[in-house]
Every structure is written in structure tokens, then in C-alpha cells.
PDB file of N, CA and C in Angstrom:
ATOM      1  N   MET A   1      -6.763  17.459   8.298  1.00  0.00           N
ATOM      2  CA  MET A   1      -5.892  16.389   8.929  1.00  0.00           C
ATOM      3  C   MET A   1      -4.767  16.994   9.802  1.00  0.00           C
ATOM      4  N   GLU A   2      -4.796  16.471  11.036  1.00  0.00           N
ATOM      5  CA  GLU A   2      -3.726  16.959  11.966  1.00  0.00           C
ATOM      6  C   GLU A   2      -2.405  16.332  11.689  1.00  0.00           C
ATOM      7  N   ILE A   3      -1.382  17.004  12.204  1.00  0.00           N
ATOM      8  CA  ILE A   3       0.015  16.505  12.033  1.00  0.00           C
ATOM      9  C   ILE A   3       0.048  15.011  12.502  1.00  0.00           C
ATOM     10  N   SER A   4      -0.593  14.486  13.457  1.00  0.00           N
ATOM     11  CA  SER A   4      -0.451  13.144  13.858  1.00  0.00           C
ATOM     12  C   SER A   4      -0.951  12.300  12.829  1.00  0.00           C
ATOM     13  N   GLY A   5      -2.151  12.625  12.200  1.00  0.00           N
ATOM     14  CA  GLY A   5      -2.813  12.000  11.183  1.00  0.00           C
ATOM     15  C   GLY A   5      -1.834  11.819   9.968  1.00  0.00           C
ATOM     16  N   THR A   6      -1.121  12.988   9.594  1.00  0.00           N
ATOM     17  CA  THR A   6      -0.443  12.900   8.435  1.00  0.00           C
ATOM     18  C   THR A   6       0.922  11.992   8.753  1.00  0.00           C
ATOM     19  N   ILE A   7       1.445  12.069   9.824  1.00  0.00           N
ATOM     20  CA  ILE A   7       2.501  11.168  10.227  1.00  0.00           C
ATOM     21  C   ILE A   7       2.146   9.717  10.319  1.00  0.00           C
ATOM     22  N   SER A   8       0.853   9.402  10.783  1.00  0.00           N
ATOM     23  CA  SER A   8       0.235   8.004  10.711  1.00  0.00           C
ATOM     24  C   SER A   8       0.207   7.474   9.280  1.00  0.00           C
ATOM     25  N   ALA A   9      -0.445   8.412   8.452  1.00  0.00           N
ATOM     26  CA  ALA A   9      -0.607   8.143   7.026  1.00  0.00           C
ATOM     27  C   ALA A   9       0.767   7.710   6.344  1.00  0.00           C
ATOM     28  N   ILE A  10       1.815   8.430   6.590  1.00  0.00           N
ATOM     29  CA  ILE A  10       3.141   8.214   6.018  1.00  0.00           C
ATOM     30  C   ILE A  10       3.600   6.909   6.575  1.00  0.00           C
ATOM     31  N   VAL A  11       3.537   6.655   7.872  1.00  0.00           N
ATOM     32  CA  VAL A  11       4.034   5.463   8.389  1.00  0.00           C
ATOM     33  C   VAL A  11       3.388   4.226   7.906  1.00  0.00           C
ATOM     34  N   ILE A  12       1.992   4.322   7.870  1.00  0.00           N
ATOM     35  CA  ILE A  12       1.270   3.114   7.306  1.00  0.00           C
ATOM     36  C   ILE A  12       1.652   2.985   5.739  1.00  0.00           C
ATOM     37  N   GLY A  13       1.629   3.983   5.091  1.00  0.00           N
ATOM     38  CA  GLY A  13       1.939   4.012   3.839  1.00  0.00           C
ATOM     39  C   GLY A  13       3.238   3.284   3.514  1.00  0.00           C
ATOM     40  N   LEU A  14       4.301   3.648   4.358  1.00  0.00           N
ATOM     41  CA  LEU A  14       5.608   3.014   4.389  1.00  0.00           C
ATOM     42  C   LEU A  14       5.557   1.512   4.512  1.00  0.00           C
ATOM     43  N   VAL A  15       4.873   1.130   5.508  1.00  0.00           N
ATOM     44  CA  VAL A  15       4.704  -0.344   5.908  1.00  0.00           C
ATOM     45  C   VAL A  15       4.011  -1.019   4.722  1.00  0.00           C
ATOM     46  N   ILE A  16       2.843  -0.550   4.281  1.00  0.00           N
ATOM     47  CA  ILE A  16       2.157  -1.199   3.172  1.00  0.00           C
ATOM     48  C   ILE A  16       3.022  -1.220   1.912  1.00  0.00           C
ATOM     49  N   GLY A  17       3.574  -0.095   1.680  1.00  0.00           N
ATOM     50  CA  GLY A  17       4.481  -0.069   0.314  1.00  0.00           C
ATOM     51  C   GLY A  17       5.586  -1.009   0.422  1.00  0.00           C
ATOM     52  N   VAL A  18       6.262  -1.149   1.672  1.00  0.00           N
ATOM     53  CA  VAL A  18       7.475  -1.998   1.683  1.00  0.00           C
ATOM     54  C   VAL A  18       6.901  -3.574   1.585  1.00  0.00           C
ATOM     55  N   LEU A  19       5.726  -3.850   2.190  1.00  0.00           N
ATOM     56  CA  LEU A  19       5.275  -5.079   2.322  1.00  0.00           C
ATOM     57  C   LEU A  19       4.733  -5.433   0.737  1.00  0.00           C
ATOM     58  N   GLY A  20       4.223  -4.453   0.052  1.00  0.00           N
ATOM     59  CA  GLY A  20       3.877  -4.738  -1.262  1.00  0.00           C
ATOM     60  C   GLY A  20       5.017  -4.954  -2.206  1.00  0.00           C
ATOM     61  N   ARG A  21       6.075  -4.189  -1.974  1.00  0.00           N
ATOM     62  CA  ARG A  21       7.331  -4.513  -2.512  1.00  0.00           C
ATOM     63  C   ARG A  21       8.002  -5.780  -2.472  1.00  0.00           C
ATOM     64  N   LEU A  22       7.843  -6.311  -1.284  1.00  0.00           N
ATOM     65  CA  LEU A  22       8.317  -7.715  -1.104  1.00  0.00           C
ATOM     66  C   LEU A  22       7.529  -8.816  -1.734  1.00  0.00           C
ATOM     67  N   VAL A  23       6.226  -8.498  -2.117  1.00  0.00           N
ATOM     68  CA  VAL A  23       5.344  -9.373  -2.794  1.00  0.00           C
ATOM     69  C   VAL A  23       5.881  -9.530  -4.292  1.00  0.00           C
ATOM     70  N   VAL A  24       6.357  -8.336  -4.852  1.00  0.00           N
ATOM     71  CA  VAL A  24       6.675  -8.282  -6.298  1.00  0.00           C
ATOM     72  C   VAL A  24       8.026  -8.896  -6.442  1.00  0.00           C
ATOM     73  N   PRO A  25       8.053  -9.917  -7.432  1.00  0.00           N
ATOM     74  CA  PRO A  25       9.293 -10.562  -7.533  1.00  0.00           C
ATOM     75  C   PRO A  25      10.321  -9.627  -8.276  1.00  0.00           C
ATOM     76  N   GLY A  26      11.613 -10.024  -8.090  1.00  0.00           N
ATOM     77  CA  GLY A  26      12.607  -9.197  -8.874  1.00  0.00           C
ATOM     78  C   GLY A  26      12.805  -7.910  -8.167  1.00  0.00           C
ATOM     79  N   ARG A  27      13.826  -7.176  -8.779  1.00  0.00           N
ATOM     80  CA  ARG A  27      14.185  -5.870  -8.297  1.00  0.00           C
ATOM     81  C   ARG A  27      13.392  -4.776  -8.967  1.00  0.00           C
ATOM     82  N   GLN A  28      12.865  -3.852  -8.127  1.00  0.00           N
ATOM     83  CA  GLN A  28      11.960  -2.799  -8.532  1.00  0.00           C
ATOM     84  C   GLN A  28      12.814  -1.388  -8.803  1.00  0.00           C
ATOM     85  N   HIS A  29      12.552  -0.869  -9.663  1.00  0.00           N
ATOM     86  CA  HIS A  29      13.471   0.442 -10.101  1.00  0.00           C
ATOM     87  C   HIS A  29      12.606   1.595  -9.947  1.00  0.00           C
ATOM     88  N   ILE A  30      12.089   1.741  -8.585  1.00  0.00           N
ATOM     89  CA  ILE A  30      11.510   2.867  -8.047  1.00  0.00           C
ATOM     90  C   ILE A  30      12.028   3.261  -6.624  1.00  0.00           C
ATOM     91  N   GLY A  31      11.842   4.542  -6.326  1.00  0.00           N
ATOM     92  CA  GLY A  31      12.555   4.846  -5.038  1.00  0.00           C
ATOM     93  C   GLY A  31      11.481   4.747  -3.875  1.00  0.00           C
ATOM     94  N   ILE A  32      12.129   5.148  -2.787  1.00  0.00           N
ATOM     95  CA  ILE A  32      11.246   4.899  -1.494  1.00  0.00           C
ATOM     96  C   ILE A  32      10.120   5.873  -1.479  1.00  0.00           C
ATOM     97  N   LEU A  33      10.369   7.038  -2.105  1.00  0.00           N
ATOM     98  CA  LEU A  33       9.228   8.090  -2.058  1.00  0.00           C
ATOM     99  C   LEU A  33       8.142   7.554  -2.802  1.00  0.00           C
ATOM    100  N   TRP A  34       8.266   7.036  -4.050  1.00  0.00           N
ATOM    101  CA  TRP A  34       7.160   6.360  -4.681  1.00  0.00           C
ATOM    102  C   TRP A  34       6.726   5.164  -3.983  1.00  0.00           C
ATOM    103  N   THR A  35       7.338   4.410  -3.336  1.00  0.00           N
ATOM    104  CA  THR A  35       7.028   3.191  -2.493  1.00  0.00           C
ATOM    105  C   THR A  35       5.991   3.766  -1.452  1.00  0.00           C
ATOM    106  N   ILE A  36       6.355   4.905  -0.806  1.00  0.00           N
ATOM    107  CA  ILE A  36       5.451   5.398   0.222  1.00  0.00           C
ATOM    108  C   ILE A  36       4.122   5.968  -0.332  1.00  0.00           C
ATOM    109  N   VAL A  37       4.296   6.652  -1.595  1.00  0.00           N
ATOM    110  CA  VAL A  37       3.167   7.228  -2.228  1.00  0.00           C
ATOM    111  C   VAL A  37       2.153   5.996  -2.605  1.00  0.00           C
ATOM    112  N   VAL A  38       2.619   4.967  -3.225  1.00  0.00           N
ATOM    113  CA  VAL A  38       1.809   3.901  -3.608  1.00  0.00           C
ATOM    114  C   VAL A  38       1.260   3.186  -2.423  1.00  0.00           C
ATOM    115  N   GLY A  39       2.043   3.091  -1.271  1.00  0.00           N
ATOM    116  CA  GLY A  39       1.473   2.603  -0.077  1.00  0.00           C
ATOM    117  C   GLY A  39       0.406   3.327   0.532  1.00  0.00           C
ATOM    118  N   ILE A  40       0.438   4.628   0.500  1.00  0.00           N
ATOM    119  CA  ILE A  40      -0.599   5.450   1.094  1.00  0.00           C
ATOM    120  C   ILE A  40      -1.944   5.334   0.338  1.00  0.00           C
ATOM    121  N   VAL A  41      -1.701   5.275  -1.122  1.00  0.00           N
ATOM    122  CA  VAL A  41      -2.862   5.206  -1.956  1.00  0.00           C
ATOM    123  C   VAL A  41      -3.607   3.873  -1.682  1.00  0.00           C
ATOM    124  N   ALA A  42      -2.586   2.806  -1.760  1.00  0.00           N
ATOM    125  CA  ALA A  42      -3.124   1.430  -1.551  1.00  0.00           C
ATOM    126  C   ALA A  42      -3.897   1.209  -0.179  1.00  0.00           C
ATOM    127  N   ALA A  43      -3.329   1.831   0.805  1.00  0.00           N
ATOM    128  CA  ALA A  43      -4.002   1.783   2.261  1.00  0.00           C
ATOM    129  C   ALA A  43      -5.293   2.494   2.112  1.00  0.00           C
ATOM    130  N   LEU A  44      -5.436   3.621   1.476  1.00  0.00           N
ATOM    131  CA  LEU A  44      -6.776   4.421   1.374  1.00  0.00           C
ATOM    132  C   LEU A  44      -7.806   3.473   0.674  1.00  0.00           C
ATOM    133  N   PHE A  45      -7.253   3.041  -0.681  1.00  0.00           N
ATOM    134  CA  PHE A  45      -8.282   2.371  -1.560  1.00  0.00           C
ATOM    135  C   PHE A  45      -8.595   0.926  -0.806  1.00  0.00           C
ATOM    136  N   GLY A  46      -7.631   0.260  -0.300  1.00  0.00           N
ATOM    137  CA  GLY A  46      -7.796  -0.950   0.488  1.00  0.00           C
ATOM    138  C   GLY A  46      -8.842  -0.900   1.589  1.00  0.00           C
ATOM    139  N   SER A  47      -8.785   0.125   2.316  1.00  0.00           N
ATOM    140  CA  SER A  47      -9.583   0.353   3.394  1.00  0.00           C
ATOM    141  C   SER A  47     -11.107   0.626   2.858  1.00  0.00           C
ATOM    142  N   ALA A  48     -11.146   1.535   1.771  1.00  0.00           N
ATOM    143  CA  ALA A  48     -12.501   1.612   1.282  1.00  0.00           C
ATOM    144  C   ALA A  48     -13.110   0.308   0.661  1.00  0.00           C
ATOM    145  N   ILE A  49     -12.252  -0.541   0.174  1.00  0.00           N
ATOM    146  CA  ILE A  49     -12.667  -1.713  -0.479  1.00  0.00           C
ATOM    147  C   ILE A  49     -13.194  -2.538   0.608  1.00  0.00           C
ATOM    148  N   ALA A  50     -12.403  -2.771   1.640  1.00  0.00           N
ATOM    149  CA  ALA A  50     -12.708  -3.653   2.759  1.00  0.00           C
ATOM    150  C   ALA A  50     -13.963  -3.151   3.445  1.00  0.00           C
ATOM    151  N   ALA A  51     -14.121  -1.787   3.631  1.00  0.00           N
ATOM    152  CA  ALA A  51     -15.415  -1.355   4.240  1.00  0.00           C
ATOM    153  C   ALA A  51     -16.561  -1.671   3.336  1.00  0.00           C
ATOM    154  N   GLY A  52     -16.372  -1.641   1.993  1.00  0.00           N
ATOM    155  CA  GLY A  52     -17.487  -1.952   0.979  1.00  0.00           C
ATOM    156  C   GLY A  52     -17.896  -3.316   1.055  1.00  0.00           C
ATOM    157  N   PHE A  53     -16.978  -4.281   1.382  1.00  0.00           N
ATOM    158  CA  PHE A  53     -17.310  -5.702   1.556  1.00  0.00           C
ATOM    159  C   PHE A  53     -17.723  -6.099   3.031  1.00  0.00           C
ATOM    160  N   GLY A  54     -17.673  -5.025   4.030  1.00  0.00           N
ATOM    161  CA  GLY A  54     -17.954  -5.314   5.161  1.00  0.00           C
ATOM    162  C   GLY A  54     -16.976  -6.133   6.163  1.00  0.00           C
ATOM    163  N   VAL A  55     -15.700  -6.182   5.571  1.00  0.00           N
ATOM    164  CA  VAL A  55     -14.622  -6.930   6.344  1.00  0.00           C
ATOM    165  C   VAL A  55     -13.668  -5.823   7.102  1.00  0.00           C
ATOM    166  N   ALA A  56     -13.998  -4.678   7.104  1.00  0.00           N
ATOM    167  CA  ALA A  56     -13.055  -3.655   7.661  1.00  0.00           C
ATOM    168  C   ALA A  56     -12.944  -3.633   9.202  1.00  0.00           C
ATOM    169  N   ASP A  57     -14.096  -3.983   9.846  1.00  0.00           N
ATOM    170  CA  ASP A  57     -14.141  -3.947  11.300  1.00  0.00           C
ATOM    171  C   ASP A  57     -14.418  -5.262  11.760  1.00  0.00           C
ATOM    172  N   THR A  58     -13.394  -5.979  12.208  1.00  0.00           N
ATOM    173  CA  THR A  58     -13.362  -7.252  12.835  1.00  0.00           C
ATOM    174  C   THR A  58     -12.917  -7.293  14.277  1.00  0.00           C
ATOM    175  N   LYS A  59     -13.016  -8.352  15.036  1.00  0.00           N
ATOM    176  CA  LYS A  59     -12.432  -8.364  16.336  1.00  0.00           C
ATOM    177  C   LYS A  59     -10.970  -8.785  16.021  1.00  0.00           C
ATOM    178  N   GLY A  60     -10.015  -8.075  16.715  1.00  0.00           N
ATOM    179  CA  GLY A  60      -8.596  -8.426  16.406  1.00  0.00           C
ATOM    180  C   GLY A  60      -8.076  -7.816  15.228  1.00  0.00           C
ATOM    181  N   PRO A  61      -6.965  -8.310  14.622  1.00  0.00           N
ATOM    182  CA  PRO A  61      -6.359  -7.723  13.607  1.00  0.00           C
ATOM    183  C   PRO A  61      -7.278  -7.773  12.319  1.00  0.00           C
ATOM    184  N   ASP A  62      -7.305  -6.823  11.465  1.00  0.00           N
ATOM    185  CA  ASP A  62      -8.020  -6.886  10.192  1.00  0.00           C
ATOM    186  C   ASP A  62      -7.248  -7.439   9.207  1.00  0.00           C
ATOM    187  N   TRP A  63      -7.014  -8.713   9.130  1.00  0.00           N
ATOM    188  CA  TRP A  63      -6.111  -9.407   8.189  1.00  0.00           C
ATOM    189  C   TRP A  63      -6.643  -9.367   6.808  1.00  0.00           C
ATOM    190  N   ILE A  64      -7.799  -9.432   6.467  1.00  0.00           N
ATOM    191  CA  ILE A  64      -8.391  -9.316   5.081  1.00  0.00           C
ATOM    192  C   ILE A  64      -8.154  -7.870   4.557  1.00  0.00           C
ATOM    193  N   GLU A  65      -8.444  -6.872   5.464  1.00  0.00           N
ATOM    194  CA  GLU A  65      -8.120  -5.451   4.885  1.00  0.00           C
ATOM    195  C   GLU A  65      -6.681  -5.279   4.743  1.00  0.00           C
ATOM    196  N   TRP A  66      -5.732  -5.916   5.527  1.00  0.00           N
ATOM    197  CA  TRP A  66      -4.319  -5.832   5.228  1.00  0.00           C
ATOM    198  C   TRP A  66      -3.841  -6.397   3.927  1.00  0.00           C
ATOM    199  N   PHE A  67      -4.569  -7.718   3.822  1.00  0.00           N
ATOM    200  CA  PHE A  67      -4.237  -8.355   2.472  1.00  0.00           C
ATOM    201  C   PHE A  67      -4.605  -7.619   1.360  1.00  0.00           C
ATOM    202  N   ILE A  68      -5.774  -6.956   1.391  1.00  0.00           N
ATOM    203  CA  ILE A  68      -6.225  -6.159   0.280  1.00  0.00           C
ATOM    204  C   ILE A  68      -5.293  -5.115  -0.021  1.00  0.00           C
ATOM    205  N   GLN A  69      -4.824  -4.288   1.032  1.00  0.00           N
ATOM    206  CA  GLN A  69      -4.007  -3.214   0.812  1.00  0.00           C
ATOM    207  C   GLN A  69      -2.683  -3.639   0.259  1.00  0.00           C
ATOM    208  N   ILE A  70      -2.083  -4.752   0.814  1.00  0.00           N
ATOM    209  CA  ILE A  70      -0.818  -5.120   0.341  1.00  0.00           C
ATOM    210  C   ILE A  70      -0.989  -5.583  -1.100  1.00  0.00           C
ATOM    211  N   ALA A  71      -2.047  -6.263  -1.420  1.00  0.00           N
ATOM    212  CA  ALA A  71      -2.177  -6.761  -2.967  1.00  0.00           C
ATOM    213  C   ALA A  71      -2.263  -5.312  -3.821  1.00  0.00           C
ATOM    214  N   LEU A  72      -3.032  -4.480  -3.374  1.00  0.00           N
ATOM    215  CA  LEU A  72      -3.050  -3.184  -4.123  1.00  0.00           C
ATOM    216  C   LEU A  72      -1.800  -2.654  -4.347  1.00  0.00           C
ATOM    217  N   ALA A  73      -1.002  -2.465  -3.205  1.00  0.00           N
ATOM    218  CA  ALA A  73       0.367  -1.950  -3.195  1.00  0.00           C
ATOM    219  C   ALA A  73       1.289  -2.687  -4.085  1.00  0.00           C
ATOM    220  N   ALA A  74       1.179  -4.021  -4.206  1.00  0.00           N
ATOM    221  CA  ALA A  74       2.028  -4.718  -4.999  1.00  0.00           C
ATOM    222  C   ALA A  74       1.672  -4.634  -6.468  1.00  0.00           C
ATOM    223  N   ALA A  75       0.347  -4.459  -6.826  1.00  0.00           N
ATOM    224  CA  ALA A  75      -0.055  -4.153  -8.058  1.00  0.00           C
ATOM    225  C   ALA A  75       0.389  -2.808  -8.441  1.00  0.00           C
ATOM    226  N   GLY A  76       0.310  -1.909  -7.682  1.00  0.00           N
ATOM    227  CA  GLY A  76       0.796  -0.414  -8.000  1.00  0.00           C
ATOM    228  C   GLY A  76       2.246  -0.423  -8.266  1.00  0.00           C
ATOM    229  N   ILE A  77       2.954  -0.997  -7.394  1.00  0.00           N
ATOM    230  CA  ILE A  77       4.372  -1.068  -7.514  1.00  0.00           C
ATOM    231  C   ILE A  77       4.850  -1.616  -8.725  1.00  0.00           C
ATOM    232  N   ALA A  78       4.216  -2.761  -9.114  1.00  0.00           N
ATOM    233  CA  ALA A  78       4.522  -3.510 -10.449  1.00  0.00           C
ATOM    234  C   ALA A  78       4.293  -2.674 -11.474  1.00  0.00           C
ATOM    235  N   ALA A  79       3.004  -2.073 -11.535  1.00  0.00           N
ATOM    236  CA  ALA A  79       2.638  -1.217 -12.791  1.00  0.00           C
ATOM    237  C   ALA A  79       3.579  -0.016 -12.862  1.00  0.00           C
ATOM    238  N   LEU A  80       3.866   0.536 -11.616  1.00  0.00           N
ATOM    239  CA  LEU A  80       4.787   1.833 -11.774  1.00  0.00           C
ATOM    240  C   LEU A  80       6.277   1.367 -12.318  1.00  0.00           C
ATOM    241  N   ASP A  81       6.791   0.175 -11.814  1.00  0.00           N
ATOM    242  CA  ASP A  81       8.076  -0.275 -12.309  1.00  0.00           C
ATOM    243  C   ASP A  81       7.904  -0.648 -13.791  1.00  0.00           C
ATOM    244  N   ARG A  82       6.901  -1.108 -14.155  1.00  0.00           N
ATOM    245  CA  ARG A  82       6.917  -1.657 -15.596  1.00  0.00           C
ATOM    246  C   ARG A  82       6.734  -0.311 -16.503  1.00  0.00           C
ATOM    247  N   GLY A  83       6.153   0.772 -15.947  1.00  0.00           N
ATOM    248  CA  GLY A  83       5.949   1.920 -16.780  1.00  0.00           C
ATOM    249  C   GLY A  83       7.117   2.863 -16.919  1.00  0.00           C
ATOM    250  N   ARG A  84       8.062   2.578 -16.080  1.00  0.00           N
ATOM    251  CA  ARG A  84       9.296   3.468 -16.104  1.00  0.00           C
ATOM    252  C   ARG A  84      10.195   2.912 -17.246  1.00  0.00           C
ATOM    253  N   VAL A  85      11.018   3.985 -17.844  1.00  0.00           N
ATOM    254  CA  VAL A  85      11.636   3.728 -19.000  1.00  0.00           C
ATOM    255  C   VAL A  85      13.150   3.314 -18.394  1.00  0.00           C
ATOM    256  N   ARG A  86      13.535   2.247 -18.854  1.00  0.00           N
ATOM    257  CA  ARG A  86      15.024   1.750 -18.424  1.00  0.00           C
ATOM    258  C   ARG A  86      15.953   2.261 -19.377  1.00  0.00           C
ATOM    259  N   ARG A  87      17.193   2.519 -19.055  1.00  0.00           N
ATOM    260  CA  ARG A  87      18.167   3.142 -19.828  1.00  0.00           C
ATOM    261  C   ARG A  87      19.286   2.010 -20.024  1.00  0.00           C
TER     262      ARG A  87
END
């Protein structure tokens, strides 16, 4: 992967992670780094799922693919937040 691909993955992961975080109600006790990591993973898996259903390549914005990615990010952030030990 080239440096531009890495930067793109981080930026897309940040956007997907932040949008997923907005979907989860309440305050999340995870940092921005974990938000980016969850966003990158959700973007990768969401793209694969959308391709599997045949909705990844549409004319115009791929709203269904974005919805899948954001839903996966929200689920990942909620799971990570619930899995953390609170003091």
C-alpha cells in the first residue's frame, strides 16, 4: 500500500469511526485512536459485505455501503466501550 493509500484509509476510518460514534447513544469511554481503528476495520468489512450483496458499485454515492460501514462502526464502538473496565 502506498503512503497515499495509508493516509486515505486513516481519513476514511476517522470519518466512519466518528459517524459510528455519533450513532451510539451516551458517552463512549474510548479514545480517538480506537475510534479510527474501529472505523478502518468497519470500512473494510463494510465494503466487503456491500460487494457481496452487489451494492458496492452504484451510480452516485454508495449510500447503502456507507450505511453498512457506519452500522458496523457503531456496533464495534459499542462493543469496545462495554468491554472496557470502568474505575
